[in-house]
Amino acid sequence: MKHPRQVLLGAQAATIRLPVCDHYSGVAARMHKSLQLQAEMMQEFGVCVFDATLDCEDGAPVGGEAEQAALVSELALGAVAGARVAVRVHPVDHPSFHADVATIVGRAGQRLSHLMVPKTESVHDVALAVQAIDAAGAPGLPVHVLIESPAAVHRAFDIAAHPRVESISFGLMDFVSAHAGAIPSAGMGLQGQFSHPLVLRAKLDIASACHAHGKVPSHCVVTEFNDLSAVQQAARRASHEMGFTRMWSIHPAQIRPILAAMSPDEAEVAKACEIILAAQTQEWAPISHQGQLHDRASYRYFWQVLERAHATGHNMPVELVHFFTQ
């Protein structure tokens, strides 16, 4: 029997699926805790539900860049089997960039899920990063990029088209700061980032660019990390209104609210299971389900619901579970 992805997605089968939460930490104690939490939640959910990204850009003290690169390399190598560990290096024009890549990729490239490159301005920056990664011995290692300026947003479609780019993240605070006061500081807050037209346009452009090229759009941080309901509300808006399928966490308490907001709800998962199982029985011919017609167009949608459900730890019927172990 053919896998549903082969039957339903066609060219869209190239669409990348990543955990819906990307958790950042840069201080040694917090990086250790992040990796420990990741291992615990893998046991709980049966799948790696968030990426642990170790930070060299903001995590390294000035003058301590080499030591930070060595530390994150050792932490990545020590992660449990099946864990998804990434590293954010310095921007390509930073004096420490090449040393970061040489150390981290050279030592732990085989253990990394991807490398995050901040302040990416153009496809040329992506090419420089890829060249350095390949020279360090990890050809094929995916690249995630952080877009943080109006000019970079303008080039988002070209950046998303690069074959090594797997995901684009939006750098809210640097984006607002790049406008020299034209966007008020409220644009960095929970309400302003969902209401200021320039910020909204940037988010929508990034999400659209990613979906056009089968890549993953990753939403920015919510700095009000003590208000977990606000974090969940922001994640839900980013997902339901703007098309983001992934979001940054900067505090361990934010991870579960992001998972909850970006997971399909139980009723939708149950409906998707029923429709996909019935469609399989009919060899993917059209069916009627609860008085509605469904064919391959809607099957495609409901299969993608199940992919998101699996990535966020939902239980599914045994008849479907095997598709996610192939």
C-alpha atoms as a PDB file:
ATOM      1  CA  MET A   1       0.000   0.000   0.000  1.00  0.00           C
ATOM      2  CA  LYS A   2       1.330   3.404  -0.958  1.00  0.00           C
ATOM      3  CA  HIS A   3       2.102   5.907   1.772  1.00  0.00           C
ATOM      4  CA  PRO A   4      -0.518   8.708   1.951  1.00  0.00           C
ATOM      5  CA  ARG A   5       2.201  11.276   1.312  1.00  0.00           C
ATOM      6  CA  GLN A   6       2.923   9.667  -2.053  1.00  0.00           C
ATOM      7  CA  VAL A   7      -0.733   9.571  -3.036  1.00  0.00           C
ATOM      8  CA  LEU A   8      -1.855  12.936  -1.743  1.00  0.00           C
ATOM      9  CA  LEU A   9       0.972  15.416  -1.760  1.00  0.00           C
ATOM     10  CA  GLY A  10       2.774  15.017  -5.059  1.00  0.00           C
ATOM     11  CA  ALA A  11       5.146  17.958  -5.411  1.00  0.00           C
ATOM     12  CA  GLN A  12       4.076  19.101  -1.944  1.00  0.00           C
ATOM     13  CA  ALA A  13       5.699  16.004  -0.476  1.00  0.00           C
ATOM     14  CA  ALA A  14       8.873  18.087  -0.372  1.00  0.00           C
ATOM     15  CA  THR A  15       7.290  20.306   2.282  1.00  0.00           C
ATOM     16  CA  ILE A  16       9.462  20.196   5.394  1.00  0.00           C
ATOM     17  CA  ARG A  17       7.998  19.128   8.738  1.00  0.00           C
ATOM     18  CA  LEU A  18       9.708  20.384  11.902  1.00  0.00           C
ATOM     19  CA  PRO A  19       8.753  20.471  15.580  1.00  0.00           C
ATOM     20  CA  VAL A  20       6.386  23.386  16.188  1.00  0.00           C
ATOM     21  CA  CYS A  21       8.556  24.896  18.949  1.00  0.00           C
ATOM     22  CA  ASP A  22      12.150  26.085  18.715  1.00  0.00           C
ATOM     23  CA  HIS A  23      13.553  26.710  22.208  1.00  0.00           C
ATOM     24  CA  TYR A  24      16.577  29.010  22.629  1.00  0.00           C
ATOM     25  CA  SER A  25      19.063  29.122  25.490  1.00  0.00           C
ATOM     26  CA  GLY A  26      22.601  30.396  25.749  1.00  0.00           C
ATOM     27  CA  VAL A  27      23.728  30.314  29.395  1.00  0.00           C
ATOM     28  CA  ALA A  28      25.437  27.057  30.352  1.00  0.00           C
ATOM     29  CA  ALA A  29      23.021  26.075  33.118  1.00  0.00           C
ATOM     30  CA  ARG A  30      19.985  26.838  30.961  1.00  0.00           C
ATOM     31  CA  MET A  31      21.370  24.921  27.999  1.00  0.00           C
ATOM     32  CA  HIS A  32      21.862  21.871  30.218  1.00  0.00           C
ATOM     33  CA  LYS A  33      18.294  22.226  31.517  1.00  0.00           C
ATOM     34  CA  SER A  34      16.903  22.634  27.997  1.00  0.00           C
ATOM     35  CA  LEU A  35      18.490  19.401  26.836  1.00  0.00           C
ATOM     36  CA  GLN A  36      17.299  17.603  29.961  1.00  0.00           C
ATOM     37  CA  LEU A  37      13.750  18.902  29.439  1.00  0.00           C
ATOM     38  CA  GLN A  38      13.866  17.863  25.791  1.00  0.00           C
ATOM     39  CA  ALA A  39      14.799  14.307  26.790  1.00  0.00           C
ATOM     40  CA  GLU A  40      12.023  14.192  29.406  1.00  0.00           C
ATOM     41  CA  MET A  41       9.394  15.409  26.957  1.00  0.00           C
ATOM     42  CA  MET A  42      10.558  12.926  24.330  1.00  0.00           C
ATOM     43  CA  GLN A  43       9.770  10.200  26.861  1.00  0.00           C
ATOM     44  CA  GLU A  44       6.404  11.784  27.626  1.00  0.00           C
ATOM     45  CA  PHE A  45       5.218  12.341  24.047  1.00  0.00           C
ATOM     46  CA  GLY A  46       7.071   9.571  22.230  1.00  0.00           C
ATOM     47  CA  VAL A  47       8.514  12.082  19.740  1.00  0.00           C
ATOM     48  CA  CYS A  48      10.852  15.085  19.891  1.00  0.00           C
ATOM     49  CA  VAL A  49       8.326  17.920  20.256  1.00  0.00           C
ATOM     50  CA  PHE A  50      10.737  20.862  20.301  1.00  0.00           C
ATOM     51  CA  ASP A  51      14.140  21.783  18.962  1.00  0.00           C
ATOM     52  CA  ALA A  52      16.767  22.825  21.493  1.00  0.00           C
ATOM     53  CA  THR A  53      18.822  25.605  19.909  1.00  0.00           C
ATOM     54  CA  LEU A  54      22.025  26.488  21.747  1.00  0.00           C
ATOM     55  CA  ASP A  55      22.967  30.111  21.298  1.00  0.00           C
ATOM     56  CA  CYS A  56      26.370  31.489  20.401  1.00  0.00           C
ATOM     57  CA  GLU A  57      25.178  34.899  19.167  1.00  0.00           C
ATOM     58  CA  ASP A  58      23.549  36.277  22.315  1.00  0.00           C
ATOM     59  CA  GLY A  59      24.758  33.556  24.648  1.00  0.00           C
ATOM     60  CA  ALA A  60      28.485  34.178  24.302  1.00  0.00           C
ATOM     61  CA  PRO A  61      30.062  36.935  26.432  1.00  0.00           C
ATOM     62  CA  VAL A  62      32.244  39.350  24.489  1.00  0.00           C
ATOM     63  CA  GLY A  63      35.674  37.788  24.326  1.00  0.00           C
ATOM     64  CA  GLY A  64      34.322  34.362  25.178  1.00  0.00           C
ATOM     65  CA  GLU A  65      33.118  33.347  21.730  1.00  0.00           C
ATOM     66  CA  ALA A  66      35.574  30.472  21.300  1.00  0.00           C
ATOM     67  CA  GLU A  67      34.725  29.022  24.695  1.00  0.00           C
ATOM     68  CA  GLN A  68      30.989  29.215  23.936  1.00  0.00           C
ATOM     69  CA  ALA A  69      31.483  27.441  20.625  1.00  0.00           C
ATOM     70  CA  ALA A  70      33.406  24.664  22.347  1.00  0.00           C
ATOM     71  CA  LEU A  71      30.733  24.345  25.042  1.00  0.00           C
ATOM     72  CA  VAL A  72      27.768  24.051  22.677  1.00  0.00           C
ATOM     73  CA  SER A  73      29.695  21.500  20.613  1.00  0.00           C
ATOM     74  CA  GLU A  74      30.141  19.276  23.659  1.00  0.00           C
ATOM     75  CA  LEU A  75      26.518  19.714  24.703  1.00  0.00           C
ATOM     76  CA  ALA A  76      25.295  18.735  21.241  1.00  0.00           C
ATOM     77  CA  LEU A  77      27.487  15.653  21.225  1.00  0.00           C
ATOM     78  CA  GLY A  78      26.115  14.638  24.623  1.00  0.00           C
ATOM     79  CA  ALA A  79      22.422  14.918  23.717  1.00  0.00           C
ATOM     80  CA  VAL A  80      20.285  11.783  23.912  1.00  0.00           C
ATOM     81  CA  ALA A  81      19.565   9.737  20.819  1.00  0.00           C
ATOM     82  CA  GLY A  82      16.730  11.178  18.765  1.00  0.00           C
ATOM     83  CA  ALA A  83      17.089  14.669  20.201  1.00  0.00           C
ATOM     84  CA  ARG A  84      17.028  17.603  17.811  1.00  0.00           C
ATOM     85  CA  VAL A  85      19.821  19.995  18.743  1.00  0.00           C
ATOM     86  CA  ALA A  86      20.786  23.084  16.763  1.00  0.00           C
ATOM     87  CA  VAL A  87      23.132  26.019  17.252  1.00  0.00           C
ATOM     88  CA  ARG A  88      22.726  29.694  16.464  1.00  0.00           C
ATOM     89  CA  VAL A  89      26.093  31.021  15.318  1.00  0.00           C
ATOM     90  CA  HIS A  90      27.147  34.619  14.779  1.00  0.00           C
ATOM     91  CA  PRO A  91      26.102  36.449  11.566  1.00  0.00           C
ATOM     92  CA  VAL A  92      28.191  35.793   8.475  1.00  0.00           C
ATOM     93  CA  ASP A  93      29.854  39.236   8.708  1.00  0.00           C
ATOM     94  CA  HIS A  94      30.816  38.827  12.377  1.00  0.00           C
ATOM     95  CA  PRO A  95      34.515  38.171  13.137  1.00  0.00           C
ATOM     96  CA  SER A  96      33.597  34.975  15.014  1.00  0.00           C
ATOM     97  CA  PHE A  97      31.386  33.427  12.336  1.00  0.00           C
ATOM     98  CA  HIS A  98      33.965  31.254  10.601  1.00  0.00           C
ATOM     99  CA  ALA A  99      35.495  30.134  13.899  1.00  0.00           C
ATOM    100  CA  ASP A 100      32.009  29.256  15.182  1.00  0.00           C
ATOM    101  CA  VAL A 101      31.283  27.097  12.175  1.00  0.00           C
ATOM    102  CA  ALA A 102      34.701  25.467  12.081  1.00  0.00           C
ATOM    103  CA  THR A 103      34.464  24.483  15.758  1.00  0.00           C
ATOM    104  CA  ILE A 104      30.804  23.550  16.040  1.00  0.00           C
ATOM    105  CA  VAL A 105      30.238  21.905  12.680  1.00  0.00           C
ATOM    106  CA  GLY A 106      33.715  20.415  12.658  1.00  0.00           C
ATOM    107  CA  ARG A 107      33.165  18.719  16.024  1.00  0.00           C
ATOM    108  CA  ALA A 108      29.434  18.096  16.168  1.00  0.00           C
ATOM    109  CA  GLY A 109      28.059  18.585  12.662  1.00  0.00           C
ATOM    110  CA  GLN A 110      26.845  15.005  12.442  1.00  0.00           C
ATOM    111  CA  ARG A 111      24.808  15.521  15.619  1.00  0.00           C
ATOM    112  CA  LEU A 112      23.108  18.815  14.664  1.00  0.00           C
ATOM    113  CA  SER A 113      19.613  19.077  13.200  1.00  0.00           C
ATOM    114  CA  HIS A 114      20.502  22.420  11.584  1.00  0.00           C
ATOM    115  CA  LEU A 115      22.495  25.616  11.971  1.00  0.00           C
ATOM    116  CA  MET A 116      20.723  28.942  12.594  1.00  0.00           C
ATOM    117  CA  VAL A 117      22.280  31.957  10.857  1.00  0.00           C
ATOM    118  CA  PRO A 118      21.033  35.313  12.226  1.00  0.00           C
ATOM    119  CA  LYS A 119      20.791  38.670  10.472  1.00  0.00           C
ATOM    120  CA  THR A 120      20.590  37.087   7.035  1.00  0.00           C
ATOM    121  CA  GLU A 121      20.197  39.845   4.457  1.00  0.00           C
ATOM    122  CA  SER A 122      20.361  38.050   1.121  1.00  0.00           C
ATOM    123  CA  VAL A 123      20.879  34.805  -0.764  1.00  0.00           C
ATOM    124  CA  HIS A 124      24.560  35.739  -0.848  1.00  0.00           C
ATOM    125  CA  ASP A 125      24.659  35.478   2.952  1.00  0.00           C
ATOM    126  CA  VAL A 126      23.064  32.036   2.725  1.00  0.00           C
ATOM    127  CA  ALA A 127      25.663  30.984   0.167  1.00  0.00           C
ATOM    128  CA  LEU A 128      28.484  32.148   2.464  1.00  0.00           C
ATOM    129  CA  ALA A 129      27.018  30.156   5.344  1.00  0.00           C
ATOM    130  CA  VAL A 130      26.608  27.027   3.217  1.00  0.00           C
ATOM    131  CA  GLN A 131      30.165  27.330   1.933  1.00  0.00           C
ATOM    132  CA  ALA A 132      31.514  27.523   5.488  1.00  0.00           C
ATOM    133  CA  ILE A 133      29.361  24.613   6.689  1.00  0.00           C
ATOM    134  CA  ASP A 134      30.434  22.398   3.810  1.00  0.00           C
ATOM    135  CA  ALA A 135      34.090  23.309   4.320  1.00  0.00           C
ATOM    136  CA  ALA A 136      33.751  22.309   7.983  1.00  0.00           C
ATOM    137  CA  GLY A 137      32.667  18.817   6.969  1.00  0.00           C
ATOM    138  CA  ALA A 138      28.864  18.744   7.031  1.00  0.00           C
ATOM    139  CA  PRO A 139      27.613  19.043   3.457  1.00  0.00           C
ATOM    140  CA  GLY A 140      23.863  18.830   3.466  1.00  0.00           C
ATOM    141  CA  LEU A 141      23.370  20.220   6.980  1.00  0.00           C
ATOM    142  CA  PRO A 142      20.174  22.320   6.788  1.00  0.00           C
ATOM    143  CA  VAL A 143      20.326  26.059   7.349  1.00  0.00           C
ATOM    144  CA  HIS A 144      17.748  28.109   9.227  1.00  0.00           C
ATOM    145  CA  VAL A 145      17.900  31.863   8.787  1.00  0.00           C
ATOM    146  CA  LEU A 146      16.722  34.799  10.842  1.00  0.00           C
ATOM    147  CA  ILE A 147      15.364  37.770   8.896  1.00  0.00           C
ATOM    148  CA  GLU A 148      15.608  41.001  10.873  1.00  0.00           C
ATOM    149  CA  SER A 149      15.497  43.973   8.484  1.00  0.00           C
ATOM    150  CA  PRO A 150      13.137  45.519   5.909  1.00  0.00           C
ATOM    151  CA  ALA A 151      15.577  44.757   3.093  1.00  0.00           C
ATOM    152  CA  ALA A 152      15.799  41.102   4.113  1.00  0.00           C
ATOM    153  CA  VAL A 153      12.000  40.834   4.214  1.00  0.00           C
ATOM    154  CA  HIS A 154      11.964  42.205   0.663  1.00  0.00           C
ATOM    155  CA  ARG A 155      14.244  39.303  -0.354  1.00  0.00           C
ATOM    156  CA  ALA A 156      12.367  36.633   1.617  1.00  0.00           C
ATOM    157  CA  PHE A 157      11.127  34.732  -1.458  1.00  0.00           C
ATOM    158  CA  ASP A 158      14.643  34.484  -2.907  1.00  0.00           C
ATOM    159  CA  ILE A 159      16.045  33.368   0.440  1.00  0.00           C
ATOM    160  CA  ALA A 160      13.307  30.755   0.898  1.00  0.00           C
ATOM    161  CA  ALA A 161      14.055  29.361  -2.565  1.00  0.00           C
ATOM    162  CA  HIS A 162      17.612  28.375  -1.602  1.00  0.00           C
ATOM    163  CA  PRO A 163      17.713  24.557  -1.429  1.00  0.00           C
ATOM    164  CA  ARG A 164      19.629  24.437   1.860  1.00  0.00           C
ATOM    165  CA  VAL A 165      17.277  26.809   3.679  1.00  0.00           C
ATOM    166  CA  GLU A 166      14.840  24.776   5.750  1.00  0.00           C
ATOM    167  CA  SER A 167      13.149  27.504   7.784  1.00  0.00           C
ATOM    168  CA  ILE A 168      12.933  31.298   8.070  1.00  0.00           C
ATOM    169  CA  SER A 169      12.418  33.013  11.419  1.00  0.00           C
ATOM    170  CA  PHE A 170      11.285  36.595  11.962  1.00  0.00           C
ATOM    171  CA  GLY A 171      13.442  38.803  14.197  1.00  0.00           C
ATOM    172  CA  LEU A 172      10.828  41.174  15.595  1.00  0.00           C
ATOM    173  CA  MET A 173      12.881  43.454  17.809  1.00  0.00           C
ATOM    174  CA  ASP A 174      15.680  44.093  15.332  1.00  0.00           C
ATOM    175  CA  PHE A 175      13.079  44.619  12.603  1.00  0.00           C
ATOM    176  CA  VAL A 176      11.327  47.311  14.651  1.00  0.00           C
ATOM    177  CA  SER A 177      14.643  48.932  15.589  1.00  0.00           C
ATOM    178  CA  ALA A 178      15.688  49.012  11.924  1.00  0.00           C
ATOM    179  CA  HIS A 179      12.913  51.539  11.236  1.00  0.00           C
ATOM    180  CA  ALA A 180      14.648  54.357  13.140  1.00  0.00           C
ATOM    181  CA  GLY A 181      11.618  55.143  15.260  1.00  0.00           C
ATOM    182  CA  ALA A 182       9.040  54.916  12.481  1.00  0.00           C
ATOM    183  CA  ILE A 183       7.539  51.920  14.303  1.00  0.00           C
ATOM    184  CA  PRO A 184       6.924  52.714  17.994  1.00  0.00           C
ATOM    185  CA  SER A 185       8.343  50.498  20.723  1.00  0.00           C
ATOM    186  CA  ALA A 186       4.843  49.094  21.220  1.00  0.00           C
ATOM    187  CA  GLY A 187       5.421  47.232  17.943  1.00  0.00           C
ATOM    188  CA  MET A 188       7.719  44.888  19.884  1.00  0.00           C
ATOM    189  CA  GLY A 189       5.023  44.066  22.422  1.00  0.00           C
ATOM    190  CA  LEU A 190       2.336  41.435  22.460  1.00  0.00           C
ATOM    191  CA  GLN A 191      -0.409  43.672  21.077  1.00  0.00           C
ATOM    192  CA  GLY A 192       1.644  45.867  18.748  1.00  0.00           C
ATOM    193  CA  GLN A 193       3.291  43.017  16.885  1.00  0.00           C
ATOM    194  CA  PHE A 194      -0.160  41.816  15.826  1.00  0.00           C
ATOM    195  CA  SER A 195      -1.540  45.224  14.912  1.00  0.00           C
ATOM    196  CA  HIS A 196       1.152  47.459  13.384  1.00  0.00           C
ATOM    197  CA  PRO A 197       0.814  47.272   9.563  1.00  0.00           C
ATOM    198  CA  LEU A 198       4.548  47.141   8.812  1.00  0.00           C
ATOM    199  CA  VAL A 199       5.141  44.332  11.287  1.00  0.00           C
ATOM    200  CA  LEU A 200       2.113  42.422  10.028  1.00  0.00           C
ATOM    201  CA  ARG A 201       3.222  42.787   6.432  1.00  0.00           C
ATOM    202  CA  ALA A 202       6.694  41.467   7.271  1.00  0.00           C
ATOM    203  CA  LYS A 203       5.260  38.434   9.027  1.00  0.00           C
ATOM    204  CA  LEU A 204       2.879  37.663   6.171  1.00  0.00           C
ATOM    205  CA  ASP A 205       5.623  38.065   3.560  1.00  0.00           C
ATOM    206  CA  ILE A 206       7.869  35.626   5.410  1.00  0.00           C
ATOM    207  CA  ALA A 207       5.088  33.080   5.883  1.00  0.00           C
ATOM    208  CA  SER A 208       4.067  33.381   2.230  1.00  0.00           C
ATOM    209  CA  ALA A 209       7.652  33.016   0.998  1.00  0.00           C
ATOM    210  CA  CYS A 210       8.131  29.875   3.064  1.00  0.00           C
ATOM    211  CA  HIS A 211       4.911  28.237   1.920  1.00  0.00           C
ATOM    212  CA  ALA A 212       5.683  29.083  -1.697  1.00  0.00           C
ATOM    213  CA  HIS A 213       8.882  27.031  -1.467  1.00  0.00           C
ATOM    214  CA  GLY A 214       7.870  24.273   0.972  1.00  0.00           C
ATOM    215  CA  LYS A 215       9.837  25.739   3.881  1.00  0.00           C
ATOM    216  CA  VAL A 216       8.860  26.353   7.522  1.00  0.00           C
ATOM    217  CA  PRO A 217       7.943  29.861   8.727  1.00  0.00           C
ATOM    218  CA  SER A 218       8.914  30.347  12.376  1.00  0.00           C
ATOM    219  CA  HIS A 219       7.238  33.072  14.442  1.00  0.00           C
ATOM    220  CA  CYS A 220       9.148  35.456  16.683  1.00  0.00           C
ATOM    221  CA  VAL A 221       9.437  35.493  20.459  1.00  0.00           C
ATOM    222  CA  VAL A 222       6.953  36.789  22.974  1.00  0.00           C
ATOM    223  CA  THR A 223       9.011  38.659  25.561  1.00  0.00           C
ATOM    224  CA  GLU A 224       6.205  38.659  28.134  1.00  0.00           C
ATOM    225  CA  PHE A 225       7.295  35.174  29.179  1.00  0.00           C
ATOM    226  CA  ASN A 226       5.591  35.237  32.583  1.00  0.00           C
ATOM    227  CA  ASP A 227       2.160  35.533  30.959  1.00  0.00           C
ATOM    228  CA  LEU A 228       1.678  32.030  29.611  1.00  0.00           C
ATOM    229  CA  SER A 229      -1.848  32.691  28.386  1.00  0.00           C
ATOM    230  CA  ALA A 230      -0.439  35.555  26.303  1.00  0.00           C
ATOM    231  CA  VAL A 231       2.191  33.220  24.845  1.00  0.00           C
ATOM    232  CA  GLN A 232      -0.475  30.694  23.889  1.00  0.00           C
ATOM    233  CA  GLN A 233      -2.694  33.415  22.433  1.00  0.00           C
ATOM    234  CA  ALA A 234       0.189  34.756  20.333  1.00  0.00           C
ATOM    235  CA  ALA A 235       1.085  31.272  19.083  1.00  0.00           C
ATOM    236  CA  ARG A 236      -2.530  30.594  18.140  1.00  0.00           C
ATOM    237  CA  ARG A 237      -2.799  33.880  16.226  1.00  0.00           C
ATOM    238  CA  ALA A 238       0.505  33.257  14.480  1.00  0.00           C
ATOM    239  CA  SER A 239      -0.699  29.816  13.423  1.00  0.00           C
ATOM    240  CA  HIS A 240      -4.359  30.448  12.628  1.00  0.00           C
ATOM    241  CA  GLU A 241      -4.181  33.968  11.191  1.00  0.00           C
ATOM    242  CA  MET A 242      -0.708  34.217   9.641  1.00  0.00           C
ATOM    243  CA  GLY A 243       0.278  30.731   8.553  1.00  0.00           C
ATOM    244  CA  PHE A 244       3.252  30.185  10.870  1.00  0.00           C
ATOM    245  CA  THR A 245       3.846  26.533  11.697  1.00  0.00           C
ATOM    246  CA  ARG A 246       6.588  27.016  14.265  1.00  0.00           C
ATOM    247  CA  MET A 247       7.458  29.513  17.020  1.00  0.00           C
ATOM    248  CA  TRP A 248      10.385  30.498  19.201  1.00  0.00           C
ATOM    249  CA  SER A 249      10.475  29.904  22.933  1.00  0.00           C
ATOM    250  CA  ILE A 250      12.889  31.804  25.197  1.00  0.00           C
ATOM    251  CA  HIS A 251      11.781  30.296  28.515  1.00  0.00           C
ATOM    252  CA  PRO A 252      11.012  26.647  29.307  1.00  0.00           C
ATOM    253  CA  ALA A 253       7.541  27.623  30.548  1.00  0.00           C
ATOM    254  CA  GLN A 254       6.663  28.815  27.035  1.00  0.00           C
ATOM    255  CA  ILE A 255       7.154  25.425  25.382  1.00  0.00           C
ATOM    256  CA  ARG A 256       3.906  23.732  26.404  1.00  0.00           C
ATOM    257  CA  PRO A 257       1.678  26.748  25.585  1.00  0.00           C
ATOM    258  CA  ILE A 258       3.256  26.887  22.115  1.00  0.00           C
ATOM    259  CA  LEU A 259       2.716  23.138  21.632  1.00  0.00           C
ATOM    260  CA  ALA A 260      -0.910  23.465  22.706  1.00  0.00           C
ATOM    261  CA  ALA A 261      -1.599  26.440  20.432  1.00  0.00           C
ATOM    262  CA  MET A 262       0.084  24.992  17.355  1.00  0.00           C
ATOM    263  CA  SER A 263      -1.340  21.488  17.731  1.00  0.00           C
ATOM    264  CA  PRO A 264      -4.571  20.557  15.969  1.00  0.00           C
ATOM    265  CA  ASP A 265      -7.366  20.117  18.493  1.00  0.00           C
ATOM    266  CA  GLU A 266      -8.622  16.659  19.462  1.00  0.00           C
ATOM    267  CA  ALA A 267     -11.856  16.962  17.488  1.00  0.00           C
ATOM    268  CA  GLU A 268      -9.986  17.875  14.308  1.00  0.00           C
ATOM    269  CA  VAL A 269      -7.541  15.008  14.781  1.00  0.00           C
ATOM    270  CA  ALA A 270     -10.406  12.552  15.319  1.00  0.00           C
ATOM    271  CA  LYS A 271     -12.158  13.799  12.178  1.00  0.00           C
ATOM    272  CA  ALA A 272      -8.932  13.570  10.162  1.00  0.00           C
ATOM    273  CA  CYS A 273      -8.411   9.969  11.327  1.00  0.00           C
ATOM    274  CA  GLU A 274     -11.915   8.985  10.268  1.00  0.00           C
ATOM    275  CA  ILE A 275     -11.616  10.608   6.842  1.00  0.00           C
ATOM    276  CA  ILE A 276      -8.157   9.264   6.021  1.00  0.00           C
ATOM    277  CA  LEU A 277      -9.076   5.720   7.103  1.00  0.00           C
ATOM    278  CA  ALA A 278     -12.272   5.829   5.033  1.00  0.00           C
ATOM    279  CA  ALA A 279     -10.393   7.247   2.048  1.00  0.00           C
ATOM    280  CA  GLN A 280      -7.817   4.460   2.258  1.00  0.00           C
ATOM    281  CA  THR A 281     -10.596   1.878   2.225  1.00  0.00           C
ATOM    282  CA  GLN A 282     -11.900   3.432  -1.012  1.00  0.00           C
ATOM    283  CA  GLU A 283      -8.406   3.585  -2.575  1.00  0.00           C
ATOM    284  CA  TRP A 284      -8.552   7.409  -2.292  1.00  0.00           C
ATOM    285  CA  ALA A 285     -11.702   7.730  -4.410  1.00  0.00           C
ATOM    286  CA  PRO A 286     -14.242  10.352  -3.234  1.00  0.00           C
ATOM    287  CA  ILE A 287     -16.260   9.571  -0.095  1.00  0.00           C
ATOM    288  CA  SER A 288     -19.127  11.040   1.893  1.00  0.00           C
ATOM    289  CA  HIS A 289     -18.393  11.799   5.559  1.00  0.00           C
ATOM    290  CA  GLN A 290     -21.103  13.222   7.816  1.00  0.00           C
ATOM    291  CA  GLY A 291     -22.991  14.521   4.802  1.00  0.00           C
ATOM    292  CA  GLN A 292     -19.983  16.187   3.156  1.00  0.00           C
ATOM    293  CA  LEU A 293     -18.106  15.172   0.010  1.00  0.00           C
ATOM    294  CA  HIS A 294     -14.369  14.614   0.350  1.00  0.00           C
ATOM    295  CA  ASP A 295     -11.780  13.886  -2.332  1.00  0.00           C
ATOM    296  CA  ARG A 296      -8.025  14.162  -2.687  1.00  0.00           C
ATOM    297  CA  ALA A 297      -8.020  17.920  -2.168  1.00  0.00           C
ATOM    298  CA  SER A 298      -9.549  17.617   1.301  1.00  0.00           C
ATOM    299  CA  TYR A 299      -7.689  14.339   2.005  1.00  0.00           C
ATOM    300  CA  ARG A 300      -4.487  16.308   1.532  1.00  0.00           C
ATOM    301  CA  TYR A 301      -5.540  18.794   4.189  1.00  0.00           C
ATOM    302  CA  PHE A 302      -6.573  16.121   6.689  1.00  0.00           C
ATOM    303  CA  TRP A 303      -3.395  14.126   6.139  1.00  0.00           C
ATOM    304  CA  GLN A 304      -1.424  17.260   6.981  1.00  0.00           C
ATOM    305  CA  VAL A 305      -3.509  17.578  10.156  1.00  0.00           C
ATOM    306  CA  LEU A 306      -2.334  14.096  11.094  1.00  0.00           C
ATOM    307  CA  GLU A 307       1.284  14.984  10.382  1.00  0.00           C
ATOM    308  CA  ARG A 308       0.994  17.953  12.744  1.00  0.00           C
ATOM    309  CA  ALA A 309      -0.773  15.755  15.284  1.00  0.00           C
ATOM    310  CA  HIS A 310       2.059  13.229  15.211  1.00  0.00           C
ATOM    311  CA  ALA A 311       4.682  15.975  15.558  1.00  0.00           C
ATOM    312  CA  THR A 312       2.947  17.302  18.658  1.00  0.00           C
ATOM    313  CA  GLY A 313       2.460  13.971  20.390  1.00  0.00           C
ATOM    314  CA  HIS A 314      -1.204  13.152  19.702  1.00  0.00           C
ATOM    315  CA  ASN A 315      -2.372   9.554  19.922  1.00  0.00           C
ATOM    316  CA  MET A 316      -3.750   8.013  16.742  1.00  0.00           C
ATOM    317  CA  PRO A 317      -5.303   4.690  15.714  1.00  0.00           C
ATOM    318  CA  VAL A 318      -2.853   1.844  15.209  1.00  0.00           C
ATOM    319  CA  GLU A 319      -3.906   1.644  11.555  1.00  0.00           C
ATOM    320  CA  LEU A 320      -2.296   5.065  11.014  1.00  0.00           C
ATOM    321  CA  VAL A 321       0.614   5.041  13.445  1.00  0.00           C
ATOM    322  CA  HIS A 322       2.800   2.875  11.206  1.00  0.00           C
ATOM    323  CA  PHE A 323       2.834   5.588   8.518  1.00  0.00           C
ATOM    324  CA  PHE A 324       4.886   7.780  10.847  1.00  0.00           C
ATOM    325  CA  THR A 325       7.599   5.215  11.410  1.00  0.00           C
ATOM    326  CA  GLN A 326       8.373   4.743   7.705  1.00  0.00           C
END
